């Protein structure tokens, strides 16, 4: 699974602190904290027919992460939304768009990790691209990575930070193994998530997913949990082992960039029948229905 270049994105306008730049023109200072130390937080959002799905939830998570990282100033949801709208309008975007929202601690007066060197306020980057869901919905393969997800006492995954080295290292292992993505475990050996998505599996018509301990509080993950509760689908949230996943009837992953996508192979083992299962199909249909009806209207 390798994304390809969409020619509609060749002349994108990128929003940096309210100013629009062509994608090929540099707009980030080498003194910015995100360049110097990955010191920033981010969110991925998706635009459906002029509406952003779960906009407030995503913006709240961004701001909560910035609070946890002791950012001195944090834009309001209204300010963030205004810059998102400006970017979408500049690119004539209404549908089929993924938005990468990044808030950094800002530019430093000189190189160094001390936040006291940040004296000019945050840097806000709004990157909107034409991008369909990135996963092959016919079935993904996973391989377990040797890289473990952090526990809350090392680096709390509830901080949605720009430090993605764990995920990148796991993805490198998956690429080398010829798999689509990597299954990542926590420090105790239980399933955390993949390098890019949350994971669910189904056994005897019961849906299972891991506790949000060594993984972020996923927005799409919560939508699936809510759908299970609303439609009387049995759901268990617990510590899940690899063996439980191997013997599952179905498996799927969730995320804003890829929505819901079935997983048919893990560590060389075929999951269930090796094709998309009925529960995955049902939840996918329910998800598509809700995104087609809900969301915050931002552009028309």
C-alpha atoms as a PDB file:
ATOM      1  CA  UNK A   1       0.000   0.000   0.000  1.00  0.00           C
ATOM      2  CA  UNK A   2       1.738   3.109  -1.272  1.00  0.00           C
ATOM      3  CA  UNK A   3      -0.013   6.415  -1.802  1.00  0.00           C
ATOM      4  CA  UNK A   4       0.423   8.074  -5.194  1.00  0.00           C
ATOM      5  CA  UNK A   5       0.592  11.720  -6.223  1.00  0.00           C
ATOM      6  CA  UNK A   6      -2.716  13.357  -7.088  1.00  0.00           C
ATOM      7  CA  UNK A   7      -2.164  15.943  -9.837  1.00  0.00           C
ATOM      8  CA  UNK A   8      -4.971  18.073  -8.374  1.00  0.00           C
ATOM      9  CA  UNK A   9      -2.529  18.857  -5.558  1.00  0.00           C
ATOM     10  CA  UNK A  10       0.329  20.211  -7.703  1.00  0.00           C
ATOM     11  CA  UNK A  11      -0.513  23.873  -7.013  1.00  0.00           C
ATOM     12  CA  UNK A  12      -1.805  23.641  -3.459  1.00  0.00           C
ATOM     13  CA  UNK A  13      -1.927  26.736  -1.303  1.00  0.00           C
ATOM     14  CA  UNK A  14      -0.614  26.012   2.203  1.00  0.00           C
ATOM     15  CA  UNK A  15      -1.711  28.192   5.128  1.00  0.00           C
ATOM     16  CA  UNK A  16       1.052  29.142   7.572  1.00  0.00           C
ATOM     17  CA  UNK A  17      -0.005  31.541  10.325  1.00  0.00           C
ATOM     18  CA  UNK A  18      -2.756  32.911   8.120  1.00  0.00           C
ATOM     19  CA  UNK A  19      -0.549  33.521   5.079  1.00  0.00           C
ATOM     20  CA  UNK A  20      -0.964  31.402   1.946  1.00  0.00           C
ATOM     21  CA  UNK A  21       2.051  29.874   0.197  1.00  0.00           C
ATOM     22  CA  UNK A  22       2.412  27.684  -2.892  1.00  0.00           C
ATOM     23  CA  UNK A  23       3.359  24.165  -1.817  1.00  0.00           C
ATOM     24  CA  UNK A  24       6.824  24.555  -3.399  1.00  0.00           C
ATOM     25  CA  UNK A  25       7.676  27.725  -1.469  1.00  0.00           C
ATOM     26  CA  UNK A  26       9.205  27.227   1.967  1.00  0.00           C
ATOM     27  CA  UNK A  27       7.312  28.941   4.751  1.00  0.00           C
ATOM     28  CA  UNK A  28       8.606  27.307   7.942  1.00  0.00           C
ATOM     29  CA  UNK A  29      11.642  28.728   9.720  1.00  0.00           C
ATOM     30  CA  UNK A  30      14.551  26.374  10.517  1.00  0.00           C
ATOM     31  CA  UNK A  31      14.225  27.825  14.014  1.00  0.00           C
ATOM     32  CA  UNK A  32      10.684  26.530  14.391  1.00  0.00           C
ATOM     33  CA  UNK A  33      10.221  24.060  17.229  1.00  0.00           C
ATOM     34  CA  UNK A  34       8.704  21.423  14.976  1.00  0.00           C
ATOM     35  CA  UNK A  35      11.873  21.471  12.861  1.00  0.00           C
ATOM     36  CA  UNK A  36      14.239  21.579  15.819  1.00  0.00           C
ATOM     37  CA  UNK A  37      12.604  18.909  17.949  1.00  0.00           C
ATOM     38  CA  UNK A  38       9.241  17.731  16.632  1.00  0.00           C
ATOM     39  CA  UNK A  39       7.719  20.064  19.211  1.00  0.00           C
ATOM     40  CA  UNK A  40       4.166  20.325  17.946  1.00  0.00           C
ATOM     41  CA  UNK A  41       0.748  18.699  17.900  1.00  0.00           C
ATOM     42  CA  UNK A  42      -1.397  17.707  14.947  1.00  0.00           C
ATOM     43  CA  UNK A  43      -4.769  16.459  13.769  1.00  0.00           C
ATOM     44  CA  UNK A  44      -6.107  14.864  10.616  1.00  0.00           C
ATOM     45  CA  UNK A  45      -9.574  15.917   9.468  1.00  0.00           C
ATOM     46  CA  UNK A  46     -11.729  14.946   6.524  1.00  0.00           C
ATOM     47  CA  UNK A  47     -14.068  17.096   4.427  1.00  0.00           C
ATOM     48  CA  UNK A  48     -17.251  15.523   3.057  1.00  0.00           C
ATOM     49  CA  UNK A  49     -19.448  17.672   0.808  1.00  0.00           C
ATOM     50  CA  UNK A  50     -18.569  20.906   2.547  1.00  0.00           C
ATOM     51  CA  UNK A  51     -18.716  19.447   6.074  1.00  0.00           C
ATOM     52  CA  UNK A  52     -15.859  18.402   8.322  1.00  0.00           C
ATOM     53  CA  UNK A  53     -16.698  15.262  10.250  1.00  0.00           C
ATOM     54  CA  UNK A  54     -16.179  15.526  14.023  1.00  0.00           C
ATOM     55  CA  UNK A  55     -14.525  18.928  13.694  1.00  0.00           C
ATOM     56  CA  UNK A  56     -14.989  19.954  17.327  1.00  0.00           C
ATOM     57  CA  UNK A  57     -13.675  16.616  18.602  1.00  0.00           C
ATOM     58  CA  UNK A  58     -10.524  16.948  16.517  1.00  0.00           C
ATOM     59  CA  UNK A  59      -9.919  20.573  17.480  1.00  0.00           C
ATOM     60  CA  UNK A  60     -10.515  19.794  21.156  1.00  0.00           C
ATOM     61  CA  UNK A  61      -7.953  16.982  20.993  1.00  0.00           C
ATOM     62  CA  UNK A  62      -5.435  19.306  19.321  1.00  0.00           C
ATOM     63  CA  UNK A  63      -5.913  21.957  21.990  1.00  0.00           C
ATOM     64  CA  UNK A  64      -5.837  19.378  24.809  1.00  0.00           C
ATOM     65  CA  UNK A  65      -2.538  18.037  23.476  1.00  0.00           C
ATOM     66  CA  UNK A  66      -1.112  21.565  23.325  1.00  0.00           C
ATOM     67  CA  UNK A  67      -2.225  22.159  26.928  1.00  0.00           C
ATOM     68  CA  UNK A  68      -0.516  18.946  28.048  1.00  0.00           C
ATOM     69  CA  UNK A  69       2.676  20.146  26.333  1.00  0.00           C
ATOM     70  CA  UNK A  70       2.443  23.496  28.153  1.00  0.00           C
ATOM     71  CA  UNK A  71       2.018  25.700  25.091  1.00  0.00           C
ATOM     72  CA  UNK A  72       1.678  29.248  26.405  1.00  0.00           C
ATOM     73  CA  UNK A  73      -0.867  30.376  23.818  1.00  0.00           C
ATOM     74  CA  UNK A  74      -3.362  28.141  22.038  1.00  0.00           C
ATOM     75  CA  UNK A  75      -5.762  29.322  19.312  1.00  0.00           C
ATOM     76  CA  UNK A  76      -9.465  28.894  19.981  1.00  0.00           C
ATOM     77  CA  UNK A  77     -11.583  26.451  18.006  1.00  0.00           C
ATOM     78  CA  UNK A  78     -13.103  29.435  16.207  1.00  0.00           C
ATOM     79  CA  UNK A  79      -9.685  30.750  15.183  1.00  0.00           C
ATOM     80  CA  UNK A  80      -8.590  27.323  13.977  1.00  0.00           C
ATOM     81  CA  UNK A  81     -11.796  26.828  12.002  1.00  0.00           C
ATOM     82  CA  UNK A  82     -11.401  30.238  10.344  1.00  0.00           C
ATOM     83  CA  UNK A  83      -7.943  29.309   9.036  1.00  0.00           C
ATOM     84  CA  UNK A  84      -9.191  25.930   7.819  1.00  0.00           C
ATOM     85  CA  UNK A  85     -11.986  27.652   5.872  1.00  0.00           C
ATOM     86  CA  UNK A  86      -9.530  30.156   4.373  1.00  0.00           C
ATOM     87  CA  UNK A  87      -7.356  27.285   3.146  1.00  0.00           C
ATOM     88  CA  UNK A  88     -10.248  25.321   1.650  1.00  0.00           C
ATOM     89  CA  UNK A  89     -11.518  28.405  -0.162  1.00  0.00           C
ATOM     90  CA  UNK A  90      -8.059  29.184  -1.560  1.00  0.00           C
ATOM     91  CA  UNK A  91      -7.884  25.672  -3.022  1.00  0.00           C
ATOM     92  CA  UNK A  92     -11.522  25.475  -4.217  1.00  0.00           C
ATOM     93  CA  UNK A  93     -12.139  22.391  -2.081  1.00  0.00           C
ATOM     94  CA  UNK A  94     -15.545  20.998  -1.179  1.00  0.00           C
ATOM     95  CA  UNK A  95     -15.302  17.190  -1.040  1.00  0.00           C
ATOM     96  CA  UNK A  96     -12.806  14.328  -0.898  1.00  0.00           C
ATOM     97  CA  UNK A  97     -10.274  16.328   1.098  1.00  0.00           C
ATOM     98  CA  UNK A  98      -7.938  15.410   3.952  1.00  0.00           C
ATOM     99  CA  UNK A  99      -6.710  18.240   6.166  1.00  0.00           C
ATOM    100  CA  UNK A 100      -3.489  18.049   8.170  1.00  0.00           C
ATOM    101  CA  UNK A 101      -3.596  20.614  10.969  1.00  0.00           C
ATOM    102  CA  UNK A 102      -0.333  21.269  12.828  1.00  0.00           C
ATOM    103  CA  UNK A 103       0.274  23.597  15.753  1.00  0.00           C
ATOM    104  CA  UNK A 104       3.892  24.065  16.846  1.00  0.00           C
ATOM    105  CA  UNK A 105       5.351  25.854  19.852  1.00  0.00           C
ATOM    106  CA  UNK A 106       6.629  28.395  17.327  1.00  0.00           C
ATOM    107  CA  UNK A 107       9.906  29.950  16.302  1.00  0.00           C
ATOM    108  CA  UNK A 108      12.888  30.117  18.655  1.00  0.00           C
ATOM    109  CA  UNK A 109      15.268  33.036  19.048  1.00  0.00           C
ATOM    110  CA  UNK A 110      18.178  30.572  18.792  1.00  0.00           C
ATOM    111  CA  UNK A 111      18.629  26.809  18.509  1.00  0.00           C
ATOM    112  CA  UNK A 112      17.878  24.813  21.647  1.00  0.00           C
ATOM    113  CA  UNK A 113      15.167  22.729  23.247  1.00  0.00           C
ATOM    114  CA  UNK A 114      14.263  25.130  26.072  1.00  0.00           C
ATOM    115  CA  UNK A 115      10.679  26.378  25.550  1.00  0.00           C
ATOM    116  CA  UNK A 116      11.726  29.724  27.012  1.00  0.00           C
ATOM    117  CA  UNK A 117      13.482  30.345  23.683  1.00  0.00           C
ATOM    118  CA  UNK A 118      10.051  30.441  22.028  1.00  0.00           C
ATOM    119  CA  UNK A 119       9.099  34.101  22.273  1.00  0.00           C
ATOM    120  CA  UNK A 120       6.991  34.747  19.163  1.00  0.00           C
ATOM    121  CA  UNK A 121       3.930  32.552  19.702  1.00  0.00           C
ATOM    122  CA  UNK A 122       2.723  29.428  17.940  1.00  0.00           C
ATOM    123  CA  UNK A 123       3.025  28.409  14.317  1.00  0.00           C
ATOM    124  CA  UNK A 124      -0.199  27.112  12.747  1.00  0.00           C
ATOM    125  CA  UNK A 125       0.010  25.082   9.531  1.00  0.00           C
ATOM    126  CA  UNK A 126      -3.076  24.069   7.552  1.00  0.00           C
ATOM    127  CA  UNK A 127      -2.373  21.573   4.777  1.00  0.00           C
ATOM    128  CA  UNK A 128      -5.423  20.494   2.791  1.00  0.00           C
ATOM    129  CA  UNK A 129      -5.088  17.881   0.032  1.00  0.00           C
ATOM    130  CA  UNK A 130      -7.416  16.140  -2.337  1.00  0.00           C
ATOM    131  CA  UNK A 131      -7.120  12.634  -0.911  1.00  0.00           C
ATOM    132  CA  UNK A 132      -9.453   9.653  -0.990  1.00  0.00           C
ATOM    133  CA  UNK A 133      -9.318   7.110   1.862  1.00  0.00           C
ATOM    134  CA  UNK A 134      -5.858   5.612   1.570  1.00  0.00           C
ATOM    135  CA  UNK A 135      -6.434   1.930   2.354  1.00  0.00           C
ATOM    136  CA  UNK A 136      -7.330  -0.946   0.059  1.00  0.00           C
ATOM    137  CA  UNK A 137     -10.689  -1.969   1.503  1.00  0.00           C
ATOM    138  CA  UNK A 138     -10.425  -5.461  -0.012  1.00  0.00           C
ATOM    139  CA  UNK A 139      -7.991  -6.480   2.710  1.00  0.00           C
ATOM    140  CA  UNK A 140      -4.812  -5.344   4.442  1.00  0.00           C
ATOM    141  CA  UNK A 141      -1.915  -7.357   5.807  1.00  0.00           C
ATOM    142  CA  UNK A 142      -0.176  -6.590   9.087  1.00  0.00           C
ATOM    143  CA  UNK A 143       3.065  -7.792  10.616  1.00  0.00           C
ATOM    144  CA  UNK A 144       3.953  -7.335  14.284  1.00  0.00           C
ATOM    145  CA  UNK A 145       6.657  -4.741  14.834  1.00  0.00           C
ATOM    146  CA  UNK A 146       9.505  -5.021  17.320  1.00  0.00           C
ATOM    147  CA  UNK A 147       8.859  -1.374  18.225  1.00  0.00           C
ATOM    148  CA  UNK A 148       6.632  -1.000  21.287  1.00  0.00           C
ATOM    149  CA  UNK A 149       4.149   1.778  21.898  1.00  0.00           C
ATOM    150  CA  UNK A 150       4.958   4.048  24.812  1.00  0.00           C
ATOM    151  CA  UNK A 151       3.100   3.672  28.084  1.00  0.00           C
ATOM    152  CA  UNK A 152       1.658   6.783  29.759  1.00  0.00           C
ATOM    153  CA  UNK A 153       4.606   6.925  32.170  1.00  0.00           C
ATOM    154  CA  UNK A 154       7.108   7.312  29.307  1.00  0.00           C
ATOM    155  CA  UNK A 155       5.318   9.479  26.721  1.00  0.00           C
ATOM    156  CA  UNK A 156       1.557   9.584  27.117  1.00  0.00           C
ATOM    157  CA  UNK A 157      -0.091   8.738  23.757  1.00  0.00           C
ATOM    158  CA  UNK A 158      -2.989  10.991  24.722  1.00  0.00           C
ATOM    159  CA  UNK A 159      -0.655  13.783  23.632  1.00  0.00           C
ATOM    160  CA  UNK A 160      -1.128  13.761  19.862  1.00  0.00           C
ATOM    161  CA  UNK A 161       2.361  15.058  19.142  1.00  0.00           C
ATOM    162  CA  UNK A 162       4.406  15.422  15.966  1.00  0.00           C
ATOM    163  CA  UNK A 163       6.927  12.875  17.264  1.00  0.00           C
ATOM    164  CA  UNK A 164       6.082   9.958  14.951  1.00  0.00           C
ATOM    165  CA  UNK A 165       9.434   8.151  15.052  1.00  0.00           C
ATOM    166  CA  UNK A 166       7.915   5.067  16.720  1.00  0.00           C
ATOM    167  CA  UNK A 167       5.339   4.804  13.944  1.00  0.00           C
ATOM    168  CA  UNK A 168       7.892   5.425  11.205  1.00  0.00           C
ATOM    169  CA  UNK A 169      10.260   2.760  12.548  1.00  0.00           C
ATOM    170  CA  UNK A 170       7.370   0.285  12.724  1.00  0.00           C
ATOM    171  CA  UNK A 171       6.307   1.190   9.178  1.00  0.00           C
ATOM    172  CA  UNK A 172       9.863   0.557   7.942  1.00  0.00           C
ATOM    173  CA  UNK A 173       9.646  -2.958   9.410  1.00  0.00           C
ATOM    174  CA  UNK A 174       6.262  -3.522   7.755  1.00  0.00           C
ATOM    175  CA  UNK A 175       7.616  -2.359   4.392  1.00  0.00           C
ATOM    176  CA  UNK A 176      10.604  -4.689   4.712  1.00  0.00           C
ATOM    177  CA  UNK A 177       8.255  -7.600   5.484  1.00  0.00           C
ATOM    178  CA  UNK A 178       6.011  -6.817   2.520  1.00  0.00           C
ATOM    179  CA  UNK A 179       3.032  -5.980   4.744  1.00  0.00           C
ATOM    180  CA  UNK A 180       0.702  -2.999   4.432  1.00  0.00           C
ATOM    181  CA  UNK A 181       1.154  -1.787   7.997  1.00  0.00           C
ATOM    182  CA  UNK A 182       2.618  -2.804  11.345  1.00  0.00           C
ATOM    183  CA  UNK A 183       0.796  -4.206  14.358  1.00  0.00           C
ATOM    184  CA  UNK A 184       2.204  -2.520  17.461  1.00  0.00           C
ATOM    185  CA  UNK A 185       2.130  -3.914  20.995  1.00  0.00           C
ATOM    186  CA  UNK A 186       2.393  -2.117  24.311  1.00  0.00           C
ATOM    187  CA  UNK A 187       5.194  -2.623  26.832  1.00  0.00           C
ATOM    188  CA  UNK A 188       3.272  -5.586  28.347  1.00  0.00           C
ATOM    189  CA  UNK A 189       2.830  -7.382  25.030  1.00  0.00           C
ATOM    190  CA  UNK A 190      -0.842  -6.536  24.467  1.00  0.00           C
ATOM    191  CA  UNK A 191      -2.138  -5.014  21.235  1.00  0.00           C
ATOM    192  CA  UNK A 192      -1.938  -1.221  21.182  1.00  0.00           C
ATOM    193  CA  UNK A 193      -2.804  -0.274  17.576  1.00  0.00           C
ATOM    194  CA  UNK A 194      -1.131  -0.247  14.174  1.00  0.00           C
ATOM    195  CA  UNK A 195       1.496   2.286  13.173  1.00  0.00           C
ATOM    196  CA  UNK A 196      -1.289   4.519  11.798  1.00  0.00           C
ATOM    197  CA  UNK A 197      -4.714   3.270  12.914  1.00  0.00           C
ATOM    198  CA  UNK A 198      -6.727   1.736  15.721  1.00  0.00           C
ATOM    199  CA  UNK A 199      -7.547  -1.948  15.515  1.00  0.00           C
ATOM    200  CA  UNK A 200     -10.790  -3.870  16.066  1.00  0.00           C
ATOM    201  CA  UNK A 201     -11.496  -7.571  15.654  1.00  0.00           C
ATOM    202  CA  UNK A 202     -14.617  -9.706  15.765  1.00  0.00           C
ATOM    203  CA  UNK A 203     -15.129 -13.124  17.363  1.00  0.00           C
ATOM    204  CA  UNK A 204     -18.528 -14.855  17.507  1.00  0.00           C
ATOM    205  CA  UNK A 205     -20.263 -11.590  16.549  1.00  0.00           C
ATOM    206  CA  UNK A 206     -18.652  -9.697  19.433  1.00  0.00           C
ATOM    207  CA  UNK A 207     -16.448  -6.704  18.580  1.00  0.00           C
ATOM    208  CA  UNK A 208     -13.195  -6.298  20.536  1.00  0.00           C
ATOM    209  CA  UNK A 209     -10.734  -3.424  20.762  1.00  0.00           C
ATOM    210  CA  UNK A 210      -7.896  -2.480  23.078  1.00  0.00           C
ATOM    211  CA  UNK A 211      -8.112  -0.003  25.908  1.00  0.00           C
ATOM    212  CA  UNK A 212      -6.772   3.460  25.023  1.00  0.00           C
ATOM    213  CA  UNK A 213      -3.683   3.152  27.202  1.00  0.00           C
ATOM    214  CA  UNK A 214      -0.808   2.814  24.724  1.00  0.00           C
ATOM    215  CA  UNK A 215      -2.693   4.448  21.873  1.00  0.00           C
ATOM    216  CA  UNK A 216      -4.345   7.842  21.384  1.00  0.00           C
ATOM    217  CA  UNK A 217      -8.015   8.490  22.011  1.00  0.00           C
ATOM    218  CA  UNK A 218      -9.002   7.980  18.393  1.00  0.00           C
ATOM    219  CA  UNK A 219     -11.888  10.030  17.026  1.00  0.00           C
ATOM    220  CA  UNK A 220     -12.885   7.413  14.437  1.00  0.00           C
ATOM    221  CA  UNK A 221     -12.333   4.718  17.061  1.00  0.00           C
ATOM    222  CA  UNK A 222     -14.883   6.437  19.278  1.00  0.00           C
ATOM    223  CA  UNK A 223     -17.350   6.709  16.388  1.00  0.00           C
ATOM    224  CA  UNK A 224     -17.181   2.928  15.917  1.00  0.00           C
ATOM    225  CA  UNK A 225     -17.616   2.365  19.659  1.00  0.00           C
ATOM    226  CA  UNK A 226     -20.650   4.663  19.634  1.00  0.00           C
ATOM    227  CA  UNK A 227     -22.115   2.890  16.606  1.00  0.00           C
ATOM    228  CA  UNK A 228     -21.802  -0.456  18.380  1.00  0.00           C
ATOM    229  CA  UNK A 229     -23.584   0.929  21.437  1.00  0.00           C
ATOM    230  CA  UNK A 230     -26.326   2.598  19.384  1.00  0.00           C
ATOM    231  CA  UNK A 231     -27.050  -0.489  17.268  1.00  0.00           C
ATOM    232  CA  UNK A 232     -26.875  -3.119  20.044  1.00  0.00           C
ATOM    233  CA  UNK A 233     -23.675  -4.663  18.744  1.00  0.00           C
ATOM    234  CA  UNK A 234     -21.804  -6.447  21.522  1.00  0.00           C
ATOM    235  CA  UNK A 235     -18.527  -4.662  22.237  1.00  0.00           C
ATOM    236  CA  UNK A 236     -15.727  -5.478  24.666  1.00  0.00           C
ATOM    237  CA  UNK A 237     -12.876  -3.039  25.371  1.00  0.00           C
ATOM    238  CA  UNK A 238     -10.025  -4.888  27.084  1.00  0.00           C
ATOM    239  CA  UNK A 239      -6.387  -5.869  26.923  1.00  0.00           C
ATOM    240  CA  UNK A 240      -6.182  -7.994  23.759  1.00  0.00           C
ATOM    241  CA  UNK A 241      -3.428 -10.450  22.867  1.00  0.00           C
ATOM    242  CA  UNK A 242      -2.003 -11.475  19.505  1.00  0.00           C
ATOM    243  CA  UNK A 243      -3.455 -14.981  19.885  1.00  0.00           C
ATOM    244  CA  UNK A 244      -6.950 -13.539  20.263  1.00  0.00           C
ATOM    245  CA  UNK A 245      -6.436 -11.586  17.051  1.00  0.00           C
ATOM    246  CA  UNK A 246      -5.045 -14.584  15.138  1.00  0.00           C
ATOM    247  CA  UNK A 247      -8.166 -16.652  15.860  1.00  0.00           C
ATOM    248  CA  UNK A 248     -10.643 -13.827  15.154  1.00  0.00           C
ATOM    249  CA  UNK A 249     -13.407 -14.110  12.566  1.00  0.00           C
ATOM    250  CA  UNK A 250     -12.830 -10.582  11.258  1.00  0.00           C
ATOM    251  CA  UNK A 251     -10.497  -7.658  11.760  1.00  0.00           C
ATOM    252  CA  UNK A 252     -10.556  -4.028  10.670  1.00  0.00           C
ATOM    253  CA  UNK A 253      -8.695  -0.808  11.361  1.00  0.00           C
ATOM    254  CA  UNK A 254     -10.002   2.731  11.769  1.00  0.00           C
ATOM    255  CA  UNK A 255      -8.673   6.222  11.189  1.00  0.00           C
ATOM    256  CA  UNK A 256      -9.544   9.577   9.668  1.00  0.00           C
ATOM    257  CA  UNK A 257      -7.253   9.142   6.674  1.00  0.00           C
ATOM    258  CA  UNK A 258      -8.431   5.611   5.869  1.00  0.00           C
ATOM    259  CA  UNK A 259     -11.897   5.413   7.496  1.00  0.00           C
ATOM    260  CA  UNK A 260     -12.672   1.669   8.046  1.00  0.00           C
ATOM    261  CA  UNK A 261     -10.620  -0.965   6.237  1.00  0.00           C
ATOM    262  CA  UNK A 262     -10.633  -4.721   6.741  1.00  0.00           C
ATOM    263  CA  UNK A 263      -7.519  -6.651   7.713  1.00  0.00           C
ATOM    264  CA  UNK A 264      -7.272 -10.148   6.230  1.00  0.00           C
ATOM    265  CA  UNK A 265      -3.790 -11.272   7.249  1.00  0.00           C
ATOM    266  CA  UNK A 266      -1.684 -10.804  10.388  1.00  0.00           C
ATOM    267  CA  UNK A 267       1.809 -12.286  10.779  1.00  0.00           C
ATOM    268  CA  UNK A 268       1.140 -14.658   7.890  1.00  0.00           C
ATOM    269  CA  UNK A 269      -2.108 -15.923   9.396  1.00  0.00           C
ATOM    270  CA  UNK A 270      -5.344 -15.528   7.479  1.00  0.00           C
ATOM    271  CA  UNK A 271      -8.013 -13.820   9.555  1.00  0.00           C
ATOM    272  CA  UNK A 272     -11.394 -15.531   9.274  1.00  0.00           C
ATOM    273  CA  UNK A 273     -12.298 -16.324   5.671  1.00  0.00           C
ATOM    274  CA  UNK A 274      -9.596 -14.038   4.324  1.00  0.00           C
ATOM    275  CA  UNK A 275     -12.122 -11.510   3.026  1.00  0.00           C
ATOM    276  CA  UNK A 276     -14.198  -8.678   4.444  1.00  0.00           C
ATOM    277  CA  UNK A 277     -16.644  -9.943   7.067  1.00  0.00           C
ATOM    278  CA  UNK A 278     -20.293  -9.183   7.704  1.00  0.00           C
ATOM    279  CA  UNK A 279     -19.694  -7.157  10.872  1.00  0.00           C
ATOM    280  CA  UNK A 280     -17.053  -5.066   9.128  1.00  0.00           C
ATOM    281  CA  UNK A 281     -19.458  -4.468   6.245  1.00  0.00           C
ATOM    282  CA  UNK A 282     -22.244  -3.495   8.633  1.00  0.00           C
ATOM    283  CA  UNK A 283     -20.110  -1.044  10.590  1.00  0.00           C
ATOM    284  CA  UNK A 284     -18.679   0.388   7.378  1.00  0.00           C
ATOM    285  CA  UNK A 285     -22.184   1.045   6.072  1.00  0.00           C
ATOM    286  CA  UNK A 286     -23.197   2.645   9.370  1.00  0.00           C
ATOM    287  CA  UNK A 287     -20.064   4.795   9.309  1.00  0.00           C
ATOM    288  CA  UNK A 288     -20.657   5.952   5.731  1.00  0.00           C
ATOM    289  CA  UNK A 289     -24.239   6.820   6.611  1.00  0.00           C
ATOM    290  CA  UNK A 290     -23.244   8.981   9.548  1.00  0.00           C
ATOM    291  CA  UNK A 291     -20.498  10.874   7.679  1.00  0.00           C
ATOM    292  CA  UNK A 292     -22.929  11.574   4.841  1.00  0.00           C
ATOM    293  CA  UNK A 293     -25.402  13.169   7.262  1.00  0.00           C
ATOM    294  CA  UNK A 294     -23.284  14.713  10.018  1.00  0.00           C
ATOM    295  CA  UNK A 295     -20.450  17.176  10.298  1.00  0.00           C
ATOM    296  CA  UNK A 296     -19.798  20.877  10.686  1.00  0.00           C
ATOM    297  CA  UNK A 297     -20.607  22.884   7.568  1.00  0.00           C
ATOM    298  CA  UNK A 298     -17.575  25.024   6.659  1.00  0.00           C
ATOM    299  CA  UNK A 299     -17.841  25.660   2.908  1.00  0.00           C
ATOM    300  CA  UNK A 300     -20.403  25.488   0.125  1.00  0.00           C
END
